[in-house]
Amino acid sequence: MPNSDLLPSLLFKRNENQLALEAAILELSNRVEVHDSADVADNVRCALDTIDKNEEFIKLTLAASKQF
């Protein structure tokens, strides 16, 4: 199998890892908020919004790369 055939699988797994990290960080931000650090939790959630905004593009790109 050529290395170029591995790229879509690699990107898919990388995206899965990113989403798992997002979920874990969100759980931590919820815990931080409970312990009177709402500002920190809000900052974390703002950073996580970037992941959410990019997720659709990543999915579309992965789908397109599987077609080739």
PDB file of N, CA and C in Angstrom:
ATOM      1  N   MET A   1       0.841  -1.172   0.000  1.00  0.00           N
ATOM      2  CA  MET A   1       0.000   0.000   0.000  1.00  0.00           C
ATOM      3  C   MET A   1       0.896   1.248   0.000  1.00  0.00           C
ATOM      4  N   PRO A   2       0.712   2.140  -0.969  1.00  0.00           N
ATOM      5  CA  PRO A   2       1.520   3.361  -1.005  1.00  0.00           C
ATOM      6  C   PRO A   2       1.235   4.248   0.210  1.00  0.00           C
ATOM      7  N   ASN A   3       2.247   5.007   0.585  1.00  0.00           N
ATOM      8  CA  ASN A   3       2.081   5.896   1.734  1.00  0.00           C
ATOM      9  C   ASN A   3       0.932   6.872   1.561  1.00  0.00           C
ATOM     10  N   SER A   4       0.666   7.310   0.330  1.00  0.00           N
ATOM     11  CA  SER A   4      -0.425   8.259   0.085  1.00  0.00           C
ATOM     12  C   SER A   4      -1.777   7.653   0.439  1.00  0.00           C
ATOM     13  N   ASP A   5      -1.891   6.328   0.371  1.00  0.00           N
ATOM     14  CA  ASP A   5      -3.145   5.673   0.749  1.00  0.00           C
ATOM     15  C   ASP A   5      -3.356   5.692   2.258  1.00  0.00           C
ATOM     16  N   LEU A   6      -2.303   5.867   3.013  1.00  0.00           N
ATOM     17  CA  LEU A   6      -2.394   5.898   4.467  1.00  0.00           C
ATOM     18  C   LEU A   6      -2.814   7.268   4.996  1.00  0.00           C
ATOM     19  N   LEU A   7      -2.649   8.299   4.198  1.00  0.00           N
ATOM     20  CA  LEU A   7      -2.931   9.648   4.657  1.00  0.00           C
ATOM     21  C   LEU A   7      -4.370   9.840   5.139  1.00  0.00           C
ATOM     22  N   PRO A   8      -5.392   9.419   4.407  1.00  0.00           N
ATOM     23  CA  PRO A   8      -6.754   9.594   4.916  1.00  0.00           C
ATOM     24  C   PRO A   8      -6.989   8.885   6.258  1.00  0.00           C
ATOM     25  N   SER A   9      -6.444   7.693   6.409  1.00  0.00           N
ATOM     26  CA  SER A   9      -6.592   6.972   7.683  1.00  0.00           C
ATOM     27  C   SER A   9      -5.879   7.698   8.811  1.00  0.00           C
ATOM     28  N   LEU A  10      -4.709   8.203   8.517  1.00  0.00           N
ATOM     29  CA  LEU A  10      -3.960   8.955   9.510  1.00  0.00           C
ATOM     30  C   LEU A  10      -4.728  10.200   9.938  1.00  0.00           C
ATOM     31  N   LEU A  11      -5.248  10.925   8.974  1.00  0.00           N
ATOM     32  CA  LEU A  11      -5.995  12.141   9.288  1.00  0.00           C
ATOM     33  C   LEU A  11      -7.273  11.822  10.065  1.00  0.00           C
ATOM     34  N   PHE A  12      -7.927  10.733   9.727  1.00  0.00           N
ATOM     35  CA  PHE A  12      -9.134  10.330  10.453  1.00  0.00           C
ATOM     36  C   PHE A  12      -8.808  10.043  11.918  1.00  0.00           C
ATOM     37  N   LYS A  13      -7.760   9.276  12.149  1.00  0.00           N
ATOM     38  CA  LYS A  13      -7.354   8.955  13.530  1.00  0.00           C
ATOM     39  C   LYS A  13      -6.918  10.209  14.276  1.00  0.00           C
ATOM     40  N   ARG A  14      -6.237  11.101  13.589  1.00  0.00           N
ATOM     41  CA  ARG A  14      -5.817  12.366  14.203  1.00  0.00           C
ATOM     42  C   ARG A  14      -7.041  13.177  14.617  1.00  0.00           C
ATOM     43  N   ASN A  15      -8.043  13.199  13.772  1.00  0.00           N
ATOM     44  CA  ASN A  15      -9.279  13.907  14.087  1.00  0.00           C
ATOM     45  C   ASN A  15      -9.984  13.256  15.280  1.00  0.00           C
ATOM     46  N   GLU A  16     -10.013  11.946  15.323  1.00  0.00           N
ATOM     47  CA  GLU A  16     -10.612  11.249  16.470  1.00  0.00           C
ATOM     48  C   GLU A  16      -9.903  11.627  17.765  1.00  0.00           C
ATOM     49  N   ASN A  17      -8.589  11.659  17.730  1.00  0.00           N
ATOM     50  CA  ASN A  17      -7.816  12.046  18.909  1.00  0.00           C
ATOM     51  C   ASN A  17      -8.148  13.468  19.339  1.00  0.00           C
ATOM     52  N   GLN A  18      -8.259  14.351  18.379  1.00  0.00           N
ATOM     53  CA  GLN A  18      -8.568  15.746  18.672  1.00  0.00           C
ATOM     54  C   GLN A  18      -9.931  15.861  19.345  1.00  0.00           C
ATOM     55  N   LEU A  19     -10.906  15.122  18.855  1.00  0.00           N
ATOM     56  CA  LEU A  19     -12.245  15.176  19.439  1.00  0.00           C
ATOM     57  C   LEU A  19     -12.267  14.571  20.841  1.00  0.00           C
ATOM     58  N   ALA A  20     -11.479  13.530  21.053  1.00  0.00           N
ATOM     59  CA  ALA A  20     -11.392  12.936  22.392  1.00  0.00           C
ATOM     60  C   ALA A  20     -10.767  13.920  23.368  1.00  0.00           C
ATOM     61  N   LEU A  21      -9.734  14.614  22.927  1.00  0.00           N
ATOM     62  CA  LEU A  21      -9.116  15.631  23.779  1.00  0.00           C
ATOM     63  C   LEU A  21     -10.088  16.767  24.062  1.00  0.00           C
ATOM     64  N   GLU A  22     -10.852  17.149  23.065  1.00  0.00           N
ATOM     65  CA  GLU A  22     -11.853  18.195  23.263  1.00  0.00           C
ATOM     66  C   GLU A  22     -12.844  17.792  24.351  1.00  0.00           C
ATOM     67  N   ALA A  23     -13.325  16.566  24.293  1.00  0.00           N
ATOM     68  CA  ALA A  23     -14.287  16.088  25.295  1.00  0.00           C
ATOM     69  C   ALA A  23     -13.670  16.072  26.695  1.00  0.00           C
ATOM     70  N   ALA A  24     -12.433  15.623  26.790  1.00  0.00           N
ATOM     71  CA  ALA A  24     -11.764  15.572  28.095  1.00  0.00           C
ATOM     72  C   ALA A  24     -11.544  16.971  28.659  1.00  0.00           C
ATOM     73  N   ILE A  25     -11.129  17.892  27.808  1.00  0.00           N
ATOM     74  CA  ILE A  25     -10.889  19.258  28.264  1.00  0.00           C
ATOM     75  C   ILE A  25     -12.196  19.920  28.672  1.00  0.00           C
ATOM     76  N   LEU A  26     -13.258  19.627  27.959  1.00  0.00           N
ATOM     77  CA  LEU A  26     -14.564  20.178  28.327  1.00  0.00           C
ATOM     78  C   LEU A  26     -14.991  19.683  29.706  1.00  0.00           C
ATOM     79  N   GLU A  27     -14.773  18.414  29.976  1.00  0.00           N
ATOM     80  CA  GLU A  27     -15.080  17.874  31.313  1.00  0.00           C
ATOM     81  C   GLU A  27     -14.279  18.604  32.388  1.00  0.00           C
ATOM     82  N   LEU A  28     -13.016  18.839  32.116  1.00  0.00           N
ATOM     83  CA  LEU A  28     -12.177  19.560  33.071  1.00  0.00           C
ATOM     84  C   LEU A  28     -12.656  20.997  33.269  1.00  0.00           C
ATOM     85  N   SER A  29     -13.071  21.645  32.188  1.00  0.00           N
ATOM     86  CA  SER A  29     -13.551  23.021  32.322  1.00  0.00           C
ATOM     87  C   SER A  29     -14.841  23.071  33.129  1.00  0.00           C
ATOM     88  N   ASN A  30     -15.678  22.052  32.997  1.00  0.00           N
ATOM     89  CA  ASN A  30     -16.897  21.988  33.815  1.00  0.00           C
ATOM     90  C   ASN A  30     -16.541  21.866  35.289  1.00  0.00           C
ATOM     91  N   ARG A  31     -15.538  21.079  35.582  1.00  0.00           N
ATOM     92  CA  ARG A  31     -15.092  20.905  36.973  1.00  0.00           C
ATOM     93  C   ARG A  31     -14.507  22.208  37.521  1.00  0.00           C
ATOM     94  N   VAL A  32     -13.721  22.879  36.698  1.00  0.00           N
ATOM     95  CA  VAL A  32     -13.127  24.153  37.107  1.00  0.00           C
ATOM     96  C   VAL A  32     -14.212  25.176  37.410  1.00  0.00           C
ATOM     97  N   GLU A  33     -15.245  25.197  36.579  1.00  0.00           N
ATOM     98  CA  GLU A  33     -16.340  26.151  36.778  1.00  0.00           C
ATOM     99  C   GLU A  33     -17.052  25.914  38.103  1.00  0.00           C
ATOM    100  N   VAL A  34     -17.251  24.672  38.481  1.00  0.00           N
ATOM    101  CA  VAL A  34     -17.908  24.327  39.736  1.00  0.00           C
ATOM    102  C   VAL A  34     -17.103  24.848  40.924  1.00  0.00           C
ATOM    103  N   HIS A  35     -15.793  24.907  40.766  1.00  0.00           N
ATOM    104  CA  HIS A  35     -14.928  25.331  41.862  1.00  0.00           C
ATOM    105  C   HIS A  35     -14.549  26.812  41.745  1.00  0.00           C
ATOM    106  N   ASP A  36     -15.532  27.622  41.363  1.00  0.00           N
ATOM    107  CA  ASP A  36     -15.412  29.088  41.381  1.00  0.00           C
ATOM    108  C   ASP A  36     -14.354  29.662  40.454  1.00  0.00           C
ATOM    109  N   SER A  37     -14.159  29.065  39.323  1.00  0.00           N
ATOM    110  CA  SER A  37     -13.240  29.624  38.332  1.00  0.00           C
ATOM    111  C   SER A  37     -13.953  29.740  36.991  1.00  0.00           C
ATOM    112  N   ALA A  38     -15.080  30.435  37.020  1.00  0.00           N
ATOM    113  CA  ALA A  38     -15.902  30.558  35.815  1.00  0.00           C
ATOM    114  C   ALA A  38     -15.136  31.228  34.676  1.00  0.00           C
ATOM    115  N   ASP A  39     -14.261  32.189  34.991  1.00  0.00           N
ATOM    116  CA  ASP A  39     -13.501  32.869  33.939  1.00  0.00           C
ATOM    117  C   ASP A  39     -12.585  31.894  33.202  1.00  0.00           C
ATOM    118  N   VAL A  40     -11.929  31.033  33.957  1.00  0.00           N
ATOM    119  CA  VAL A  40     -11.043  30.039  33.341  1.00  0.00           C
ATOM    120  C   VAL A  40     -11.861  29.087  32.477  1.00  0.00           C
ATOM    121  N   ALA A  41     -12.985  28.626  33.004  1.00  0.00           N
ATOM    122  CA  ALA A  41     -13.840  27.705  32.253  1.00  0.00           C
ATOM    123  C   ALA A  41     -14.330  28.356  30.961  1.00  0.00           C
ATOM    124  N   ASP A  42     -14.700  29.626  31.013  1.00  0.00           N
ATOM    125  CA  ASP A  42     -15.137  30.330  29.807  1.00  0.00           C
ATOM    126  C   ASP A  42     -14.013  30.442  28.786  1.00  0.00           C
ATOM    127  N   ASN A  43     -12.805  30.721  29.250  1.00  0.00           N
ATOM    128  CA  ASN A  43     -11.662  30.811  28.342  1.00  0.00           C
ATOM    129  C   ASN A  43     -11.388  29.475  27.658  1.00  0.00           C
ATOM    130  N   VAL A  44     -11.498  28.398  28.418  1.00  0.00           N
ATOM    131  CA  VAL A  44     -11.282  27.065  27.854  1.00  0.00           C
ATOM    132  C   VAL A  44     -12.346  26.769  26.797  1.00  0.00           C
ATOM    133  N   ARG A  45     -13.588  27.090  27.115  1.00  0.00           N
ATOM    134  CA  ARG A  45     -14.673  26.825  26.159  1.00  0.00           C
ATOM    135  C   ARG A  45     -14.519  27.646  24.888  1.00  0.00           C
ATOM    136  N   CYS A  46     -14.034  28.851  25.012  1.00  0.00           N
ATOM    137  CA  CYS A  46     -13.775  29.675  23.815  1.00  0.00           C
ATOM    138  C   CYS A  46     -12.712  29.023  22.938  1.00  0.00           C
ATOM    139  N   ALA A  47     -11.677  28.492  23.572  1.00  0.00           N
ATOM    140  CA  ALA A  47     -10.637  27.798  22.806  1.00  0.00           C
ATOM    141  C   ALA A  47     -11.198  26.545  22.147  1.00  0.00           C
ATOM    142  N   LEU A  48     -12.080  25.840  22.840  1.00  0.00           N
ATOM    143  CA  LEU A  48     -12.666  24.624  22.277  1.00  0.00           C
ATOM    144  C   LEU A  48     -13.601  24.932  21.108  1.00  0.00           C
ATOM    145  N   ASP A  49     -14.137  26.126  21.065  1.00  0.00           N
ATOM    146  CA  ASP A  49     -14.982  26.520  19.938  1.00  0.00           C
ATOM    147  C   ASP A  49     -14.221  26.450  18.619  1.00  0.00           C
ATOM    148  N   THR A  50     -12.935  26.700  18.662  1.00  0.00           N
ATOM    149  CA  THR A  50     -12.117  26.608  17.452  1.00  0.00           C
ATOM    150  C   THR A  50     -12.152  25.192  16.898  1.00  0.00           C
ATOM    151  N   ILE A  51     -12.069  24.215  17.785  1.00  0.00           N
ATOM    152  CA  ILE A  51     -12.140  22.813  17.350  1.00  0.00           C
ATOM    153  C   ILE A  51     -13.488  22.542  16.698  1.00  0.00           C
ATOM    154  N   ASP A  52     -14.551  23.017  17.323  1.00  0.00           N
ATOM    155  CA  ASP A  52     -15.885  22.808  16.770  1.00  0.00           C
ATOM    156  C   ASP A  52     -16.037  23.455  15.392  1.00  0.00           C
ATOM    157  N   LYS A  53     -15.516  24.656  15.257  1.00  0.00           N
ATOM    158  CA  LYS A  53     -15.635  25.365  13.980  1.00  0.00           C
ATOM    159  C   LYS A  53     -14.865  24.654  12.871  1.00  0.00           C
ATOM    160  N   ASN A  54     -13.742  24.064  13.209  1.00  0.00           N
ATOM    161  CA  ASN A  54     -12.915  23.391  12.200  1.00  0.00           C
ATOM    162  C   ASN A  54     -13.335  21.954  11.929  1.00  0.00           C
ATOM    163  N   GLU A  55     -14.125  21.376  12.803  1.00  0.00           N
ATOM    164  CA  GLU A  55     -14.484  19.962  12.683  1.00  0.00           C
ATOM    165  C   GLU A  55     -15.213  19.666  11.375  1.00  0.00           C
ATOM    166  N   GLU A  56     -16.145  20.508  10.977  1.00  0.00           N
ATOM    167  CA  GLU A  56     -16.898  20.249   9.751  1.00  0.00           C
ATOM    168  C   GLU A  56     -15.974  20.265   8.535  1.00  0.00           C
ATOM    169  N   PHE A  57     -15.053  21.218   8.487  1.00  0.00           N
ATOM    170  CA  PHE A  57     -14.098  21.263   7.377  1.00  0.00           C
ATOM    171  C   PHE A  57     -13.250  20.004   7.345  1.00  0.00           C
ATOM    172  N   ILE A  58     -12.803  19.573   8.508  1.00  0.00           N
ATOM    173  CA  ILE A  58     -11.975  18.366   8.589  1.00  0.00           C
ATOM    174  C   ILE A  58     -12.758  17.162   8.063  1.00  0.00           C
ATOM    175  N   LYS A  59     -14.007  17.031   8.484  1.00  0.00           N
ATOM    176  CA  LYS A  59     -14.832  15.907   8.024  1.00  0.00           C
ATOM    177  C   LYS A  59     -15.029  15.937   6.512  1.00  0.00           C
ATOM    178  N   LEU A  60     -15.306  17.121   5.973  1.00  0.00           N
ATOM    179  CA  LEU A  60     -15.497  17.241   4.525  1.00  0.00           C
ATOM    180  C   LEU A  60     -14.217  16.903   3.767  1.00  0.00           C
ATOM    181  N   THR A  61     -13.099  17.347   4.291  1.00  0.00           N
ATOM    182  CA  THR A  61     -11.813  17.073   3.647  1.00  0.00           C
ATOM    183  C   THR A  61     -11.492  15.587   3.676  1.00  0.00           C
ATOM    184  N   LEU A  62     -11.760  14.945   4.811  1.00  0.00           N
ATOM    185  CA  LEU A  62     -11.523  13.498   4.904  1.00  0.00           C
ATOM    186  C   LEU A  62     -12.428  12.741   3.943  1.00  0.00           C
ATOM    187  N   ALA A  63     -13.680  13.141   3.852  1.00  0.00           N
ATOM    188  CA  ALA A  63     -14.618  12.484   2.930  1.00  0.00           C
ATOM    189  C   ALA A  63     -14.148  12.651   1.485  1.00  0.00           C
ATOM    190  N   ALA A  64     -13.693  13.837   1.154  1.00  0.00           N
ATOM    191  CA  ALA A  64     -13.213  14.082  -0.206  1.00  0.00           C
ATOM    192  C   ALA A  64     -11.955  13.281  -0.508  1.00  0.00           C
ATOM    193  N   SER A  65     -11.078  13.150   0.470  1.00  0.00           N
ATOM    194  CA  SER A  65      -9.828  12.419   0.229  1.00  0.00           C
ATOM    195  C   SER A  65     -10.077  10.920   0.053  1.00  0.00           C
ATOM    196  N   LYS A  66     -11.159  10.399   0.610  1.00  0.00           N
ATOM    197  CA  LYS A  66     -11.482   8.978   0.445  1.00  0.00           C
ATOM    198  C   LYS A  66     -11.972   8.677  -0.968  1.00  0.00           C
ATOM    199  N   GLN A  67     -12.449   9.702  -1.648  1.00  0.00           N
ATOM    200  CA  GLN A  67     -12.958   9.509  -3.017  1.00  0.00           C
ATOM    201  C   GLN A  67     -11.821   9.315  -4.010  1.00  0.00           C
ATOM    202  N   PHE A  68     -10.637   9.748  -3.652  1.00  0.00           N
ATOM    203  CA  PHE A  68      -9.507   9.684  -4.594  1.00  0.00           C
ATOM    204  C   PHE A  68      -8.648   8.512  -4.330  1.00  0.00           C
TER     205      PHE A  68
END
